[in-house]
Amino acid sequence: MTGSQRLRIVPSQFVVEHLPNSTFPEDDEWIALVRAPEGLTVIREAPPWGDGERWKGFYGDSAHGLDTPGMLAALIGPLADSGIPVFVASTYHADLVLVPDHRLEEAAAVLKDAGHRLAE
């Protein structure tokens, strides 16, 4: 299968925050930042005491080139077809694909059915 990837589940839980009036967070506890005209989007590890939606992440186990087409689509396409929401942060080497924590097992099964391998 084109775009078949070996993935691992990141052990952390994450939260995704929108800070409409910020250009940079006040702390350094973030994992990823995206600045846009409507504010700052922050991905950070979920604190144990926090409320709100928790996310779990799939991350590629090996790097792929930036010029390799279809790598992200191969992951999010099957998840979208199954109605599983995603939030993505791309890195130089791979994509961090977040799914709601309560849908992690379902998402893992969907990705396996699509030909991806999950590292144990």
Foldseek 3Di string as FASTA:
>chain_A
DQLAFEKEKDPFKKDKDFDQPDPDDPDDQFDDWDQDNRGIITIGGDDPPDDDWIKIWIKTPWFDAPPRPDNVVLLVVLCVVVVWDWDWDADRGIIIIITTPVCVVVSVVSSVVSPYHYDD
